[in-house]
Amino acid sequence: MGDMNIFCWILLISSAFLYAIPFIYNIALWWLIFIFPVPLLYITRIQNFSFMHGYIWGLIVFSLHLSGGMLIVTNLDHDVWWVGLLMGICVVLYQALLPGLLFFFATTII
């Protein structure tokens, strides 16, 4: 059972990367956006999602997706760069709540 749990986490993380990478390297890897649901759909067949699954997925997606904006805000702050970094981290933590709630309620309703 433990190996299957690790396998599900690997699939979940790979799905998050497959979703976020096309936004970073959109010219070469745009087609990956159509593949990201495949690992998610496979996981739903073998395991129920929880809030933690969605939150981790959201953390990976939004940290990669918003990395450019975080870099810009951090560079604009010059001497107090940590304020921009803290703001970016707070935004990522806040936005990751939505996929967490979505995964939780999807599992609860279904």
Protein backbone atom coordinates (compact mmCIF):
# COMPACT_ATOMS: atom_id res chain seq x y z
CA MET A 1 0.00 0.00 0.00
CA GLY A 2 2.89 2.37 0.72
CA ASP A 3 4.37 1.97 -2.77
CA MET A 4 1.03 2.83 -4.35
CA ASN A 5 0.80 5.96 -2.21
CA ILE A 6 4.26 7.09 -3.38
CA PHE A 7 3.26 6.31 -6.96
CA CYS A 8 0.13 8.48 -6.58
CA TRP A 9 2.18 11.38 -5.20
CA ILE A 10 4.61 11.09 -8.11
CA LEU A 11 1.71 11.17 -10.57
CA LEU A 12 0.16 14.15 -8.78
CA ILE A 13 3.42 16.10 -8.84
CA SER A 14 4.02 15.21 -12.48
CA SER A 15 0.52 16.45 -13.32
CA ALA A 16 1.27 19.76 -11.60
CA PHE A 17 4.49 20.14 -13.58
CA LEU A 18 2.74 19.19 -16.82
CA TYR A 19 0.22 21.95 -16.12
CA ALA A 20 2.68 24.70 -15.15
CA ILE A 21 5.60 24.16 -17.55
CA PRO A 22 3.67 25.17 -20.71
CA PHE A 23 3.09 28.61 -19.18
CA ILE A 24 6.83 29.08 -18.67
CA TYR A 25 8.11 27.60 -21.95
CA ASN A 26 5.01 28.14 -24.06
CA ILE A 27 6.64 28.17 -27.50
CA ALA A 28 8.20 24.72 -27.24
CA LEU A 29 6.03 22.91 -24.69
CA TRP A 30 2.51 24.27 -25.23
CA TRP A 31 1.19 20.80 -26.01
CA LEU A 32 1.85 19.54 -22.45
CA ILE A 33 -1.22 21.43 -21.26
CA PHE A 34 -3.36 18.74 -22.92
CA ILE A 35 -1.54 15.92 -21.10
CA PHE A 36 -1.72 17.14 -17.47
CA PRO A 37 -5.20 15.63 -16.77
CA VAL A 38 -4.05 12.10 -17.63
CA PRO A 39 -2.18 11.46 -14.34
CA LEU A 40 -5.02 13.10 -12.38
CA LEU A 41 -7.64 10.92 -14.01
CA TYR A 42 -5.58 7.81 -13.37
CA ILE A 43 -5.18 8.70 -9.68
CA THR A 44 -8.94 9.18 -9.31
CA ARG A 45 -9.44 5.59 -10.42
CA ILE A 46 -7.19 4.15 -7.70
CA GLN A 47 -7.34 6.64 -4.80
CA ASN A 48 -9.58 9.35 -3.37
CA PHE A 49 -8.22 12.87 -3.28
CA SER A 50 -7.95 14.89 -0.10
CA PHE A 51 -7.44 18.55 0.65
CA MET A 52 -3.70 17.92 1.01
CA HIS A 53 -3.48 16.45 -2.50
CA GLY A 54 -5.08 19.54 -3.98
CA TYR A 55 -3.07 21.92 -1.84
CA ILE A 56 0.26 20.36 -2.82
CA TRP A 57 -0.83 20.33 -6.48
CA GLY A 58 -1.79 24.01 -6.19
CA LEU A 59 1.47 24.95 -4.47
CA ILE A 60 3.52 23.45 -7.28
CA VAL A 61 1.35 24.89 -10.04
CA PHE A 62 1.09 28.40 -8.66
CA SER A 63 4.71 28.66 -7.53
CA LEU A 64 5.85 27.77 -11.05
CA HIS A 65 3.10 29.76 -12.74
CA LEU A 66 3.69 32.92 -10.70
CA SER A 67 7.49 32.70 -10.50
CA GLY A 68 7.92 35.45 -13.10
CA GLY A 69 5.63 37.83 -11.25
CA MET A 70 7.38 37.07 -7.98
CA LEU A 71 10.74 37.80 -9.60
CA ILE A 72 9.51 41.14 -10.93
CA VAL A 73 8.05 42.23 -7.58
CA THR A 74 11.21 41.12 -5.76
CA ASN A 75 13.42 43.10 -8.16
CA LEU A 76 11.27 46.21 -7.84
CA ASP A 77 11.75 46.29 -4.08
CA HIS A 78 15.57 46.71 -4.34
CA ASP A 79 16.80 46.93 -0.73
CA VAL A 80 13.78 45.25 0.84
CA TRP A 81 13.55 42.37 -1.64
CA TRP A 82 12.30 40.07 1.08
CA VAL A 83 9.01 41.99 1.21
CA GLY A 84 8.34 41.17 -2.45
CA LEU A 85 9.31 37.56 -1.86
CA LEU A 86 7.03 37.36 1.18
CA MET A 87 4.15 38.85 -0.80
CA GLY A 88 4.69 36.32 -3.59
CA ILE A 89 4.79 33.41 -1.15
CA CYS A 90 1.58 34.62 0.52
CA VAL A 91 -0.17 34.85 -2.86
CA VAL A 92 0.93 31.31 -3.77
CA LEU A 93 -0.19 29.92 -0.40
CA TYR A 94 -3.54 31.68 -0.72
CA GLN A 95 -4.20 30.59 -4.31
CA ALA A 96 -3.27 26.98 -3.51
CA LEU A 97 -6.29 26.83 -1.22
CA LEU A 98 -8.69 26.72 -4.17
CA PRO A 99 -7.39 23.46 -5.73
CA GLY A 100 -7.25 22.00 -2.21
CA LEU A 101 -10.90 22.83 -1.62
CA LEU A 102 -11.82 21.69 -5.13
CA PHE A 103 -10.18 18.28 -4.66
CA PHE A 104 -11.75 17.93 -1.19
CA PHE A 105 -15.30 18.79 -2.27
CA ALA A 106 -15.04 16.76 -5.47
CA THR A 107 -14.17 13.70 -3.39
CA THR A 108 -16.84 14.48 -0.80
CA ILE A 109 -19.63 15.00 -3.33
CA ILE A 110 -18.71 12.05 -5.53
